[in-house]
Protein backbone atom coordinates (compact mmCIF):
# COMPACT_ATOMS: atom_id res chain seq x y z
CA UNK A 1 25.48 5.99 -13.28
CA UNK A 2 22.33 6.63 -10.79
CA UNK A 3 20.56 9.46 -9.58
CA UNK A 4 20.33 10.64 -5.64
CA UNK A 5 17.39 12.49 -4.58
CA UNK A 6 18.03 14.33 -1.47
CA UNK A 7 14.57 15.39 -0.42
CA UNK A 8 11.11 13.36 -0.70
CA UNK A 9 8.78 14.92 -2.59
CA UNK A 10 6.48 12.09 -3.34
CA UNK A 11 5.31 10.89 0.24
CA UNK A 12 3.52 12.89 3.38
CA UNK A 13 6.26 13.18 6.42
CA UNK A 14 4.14 10.68 8.10
CA UNK A 15 4.67 7.84 5.54
CA UNK A 16 8.19 9.25 5.16
CA UNK A 17 8.85 8.67 8.89
CA UNK A 18 7.18 5.63 8.88
CA UNK A 19 9.12 4.37 6.25
CA UNK A 20 12.16 5.29 8.12
CA UNK A 21 11.84 2.75 10.40
CA UNK A 22 12.49 -0.06 8.04
CA UNK A 23 14.72 1.82 5.22
CA UNK A 24 17.64 3.75 7.54
CA UNK A 25 19.12 5.44 4.78
CA UNK A 26 15.80 7.92 4.88
CA UNK A 27 16.45 8.80 8.41
CA UNK A 28 18.60 11.62 7.10
CA UNK A 29 16.40 12.46 3.53
CA UNK A 30 14.49 15.35 4.38
CA UNK A 31 10.99 15.52 3.68
CA UNK A 32 9.10 18.47 1.54
CA UNK A 33 5.62 17.09 1.82
CA UNK A 34 2.37 17.82 3.93
CA UNK A 35 2.47 15.74 7.26
CA UNK A 36 -0.15 13.61 6.42
CA UNK A 37 -1.95 10.98 8.03
CA UNK A 38 -0.59 8.56 10.49
CA UNK A 39 -0.20 5.05 8.19
CA UNK A 40 -2.62 2.22 9.51
CA UNK A 41 -1.63 -1.50 9.98
CA UNK A 42 -4.76 -3.41 9.52
CA UNK A 43 -4.99 -6.84 11.22
CA UNK A 44 -6.63 -9.58 9.42
CA UNK A 45 -8.53 -11.77 12.02
CA UNK A 46 -11.64 -11.80 9.75
CA UNK A 47 -9.72 -12.29 6.62
CA UNK A 48 -8.43 -10.55 3.64
CA UNK A 49 -11.60 -9.90 1.43
CA UNK A 50 -13.54 -8.76 5.23
CA UNK A 51 -10.94 -6.13 6.17
CA UNK A 52 -10.57 -4.71 2.17
CA UNK A 53 -14.13 -4.70 2.60
CA UNK A 54 -14.16 -2.33 5.98
CA UNK A 55 -11.58 -0.64 4.72
CA UNK A 56 -12.57 0.63 1.65
CA UNK A 57 -15.94 2.15 2.83
CA UNK A 58 -13.95 3.43 5.28
CA UNK A 59 -11.73 5.18 2.33
CA UNK A 60 -14.71 5.80 -0.39
CA UNK A 61 -17.88 6.25 1.27
CA UNK A 62 -17.21 7.51 4.54
CA UNK A 63 -13.76 9.09 3.29
CA UNK A 64 -15.03 10.96 0.00
CA UNK A 65 -12.24 9.10 -1.82
CA UNK A 66 -12.74 8.28 -5.47
CA UNK A 67 -12.30 4.91 -5.70
CA UNK A 68 -9.58 5.16 -8.84
CA UNK A 69 -7.53 7.21 -6.85
CA UNK A 70 -6.64 3.72 -4.30
CA UNK A 71 -4.39 1.18 -5.47
CA UNK A 72 -3.83 -2.57 -3.86
CA UNK A 73 -0.70 -4.05 -4.03
CA UNK A 74 0.33 -7.43 -3.44
CA UNK A 75 3.55 -9.58 -3.60
CA UNK A 76 1.21 -11.99 -6.33
CA UNK A 77 0.33 -10.94 -9.62
CA UNK A 78 -3.24 -10.14 -9.40
CA UNK A 79 -4.21 -13.49 -10.93
CA UNK A 80 -2.52 -15.46 -7.98
CA UNK A 81 -3.79 -13.06 -5.40
CA UNK A 82 -6.06 -13.58 -2.35
CA UNK A 83 -8.51 -10.85 -3.96
CA UNK A 84 -8.25 -12.06 -7.33
CA UNK A 85 -11.62 -14.58 -6.77
CA UNK A 86 -13.55 -11.10 -5.67
CA UNK A 87 -16.36 -11.41 -8.61
CA UNK A 88 -18.57 -8.65 -7.06
CA UNK A 89 -18.39 -5.63 -5.82
CA UNK A 90 -16.11 -4.83 -2.86
CA UNK A 91 -18.63 -2.81 -0.54
CA UNK A 92 -18.94 0.60 -2.60
CA UNK A 93 -16.22 -0.33 -5.02
CA UNK A 94 -15.01 -3.01 -7.96
CA UNK A 95 -11.55 -4.09 -7.72
CA UNK A 96 -10.01 -5.24 -11.05
CA UNK A 97 -6.68 -5.51 -12.33
CA UNK A 98 -7.66 -3.22 -15.14
CA UNK A 99 -8.00 -0.12 -12.79
CA UNK A 100 -9.96 2.58 -14.50
CA UNK A 101 -12.69 5.18 -13.43
CA UNK A 102 -14.84 4.12 -10.44
CA UNK A 103 -12.79 1.40 -10.25
CA UNK A 104 -10.02 0.48 -7.21
CA UNK A 105 -6.67 -1.02 -9.17
CA UNK A 106 -5.46 -4.51 -7.72
CA UNK A 107 -1.36 -4.66 -8.72
CA UNK A 108 1.47 -6.57 -7.79
CA UNK A 109 4.42 -4.42 -6.21
CA UNK A 110 6.52 -5.36 -8.64
CA UNK A 111 4.16 -4.30 -11.94
CA UNK A 112 3.70 -0.99 -9.84
CA UNK A 113 7.22 0.00 -9.19
CA UNK A 114 7.89 3.48 -10.56
CA UNK A 115 4.66 4.66 -10.21
CA UNK A 116 2.42 6.23 -7.68
CA UNK A 117 -0.92 6.68 -6.15
CA UNK A 118 -3.07 8.54 -3.46
CA UNK A 119 -3.79 5.88 -1.44
CA UNK A 120 -2.00 1.93 -1.35
CA UNK A 121 -3.15 -0.52 0.42
CA UNK A 122 -0.22 -3.20 0.66
CA UNK A 123 -1.09 -6.71 1.17
CA UNK A 124 0.31 -10.77 0.79
CA UNK A 125 3.84 -10.50 1.54
CA UNK A 126 3.99 -13.41 3.39
CA UNK A 127 5.90 -16.34 2.42
CA UNK A 128 9.06 -14.48 0.88
CA UNK A 129 12.26 -14.63 2.53
CA UNK A 130 12.96 -12.17 4.84
CA UNK A 131 14.99 -9.89 2.76
CA UNK A 132 12.65 -9.62 -0.82
CA UNK A 133 9.65 -9.12 1.44
CA UNK A 134 11.60 -6.33 3.19
CA UNK A 135 12.73 -4.96 -0.83
CA UNK A 136 8.80 -5.39 -1.60
CA UNK A 137 7.59 -3.62 1.13
CA UNK A 138 9.96 -0.98 0.96
CA UNK A 139 8.73 -1.07 -3.08
CA UNK A 140 5.02 -1.23 -2.31
CA UNK A 141 4.55 1.20 0.29
CA UNK A 142 6.69 3.54 -0.98
CA UNK A 143 4.52 3.95 -3.52
CA UNK A 144 1.98 6.13 -1.46
CA UNK A 145 1.56 9.71 -1.72
CA UNK A 146 -1.21 10.92 1.03
CA UNK A 147 -2.68 7.74 2.72
CA UNK A 148 -0.35 4.15 3.29
CA UNK A 149 -2.30 0.84 4.63
CA UNK A 150 -0.44 -1.94 5.63
CA UNK A 151 -2.51 -5.18 5.26
CA UNK A 152 -0.28 -7.17 8.67
CA UNK A 153 1.28 -10.27 6.13
CA UNK A 154 2.78 -7.46 4.74
CA UNK A 155 5.05 -6.54 7.32
CA UNK A 156 8.55 -7.02 7.95
CA UNK A 157 9.38 -9.63 10.13
CA UNK A 158 11.34 -6.71 12.35
CA UNK A 159 8.16 -4.30 12.38
CA UNK A 160 5.40 -5.07 15.22
CA UNK A 161 1.81 -6.32 14.54
CA UNK A 162 -0.77 -4.39 15.44
């Protein structure tokens, strides 16, 4: 039998409210977490790698976050991700499917289901049928505990672009 959770304890209120736009069932679920920072949608005008460099610099160098508190979730396997070709450090950090101390983890949404991270960067949900993309979007975005950054290629068709 499925367990029904009546209160959201994982995500900040900002993330919870933003997810409620895509998942109507959340609108009636109270959130007991702090307010948190607004969800950020990042345009990809300069491409994935440049956008990721800028975002990681803001989070780690300027924001003081630890790289191991950040996970990049993609709709693809890490080996097939556009970000898999990153062999040099991305800005201030190393990105790896293995994760570890001082490393930003790159994972598929599917492999990260059931887990959580303080900061989630969600990307590469394009190319999926609408229903599948929406399901991956919800699972990926709801893994974020404190901060959610969504690249525009991960937005469901119903969400406005940045």
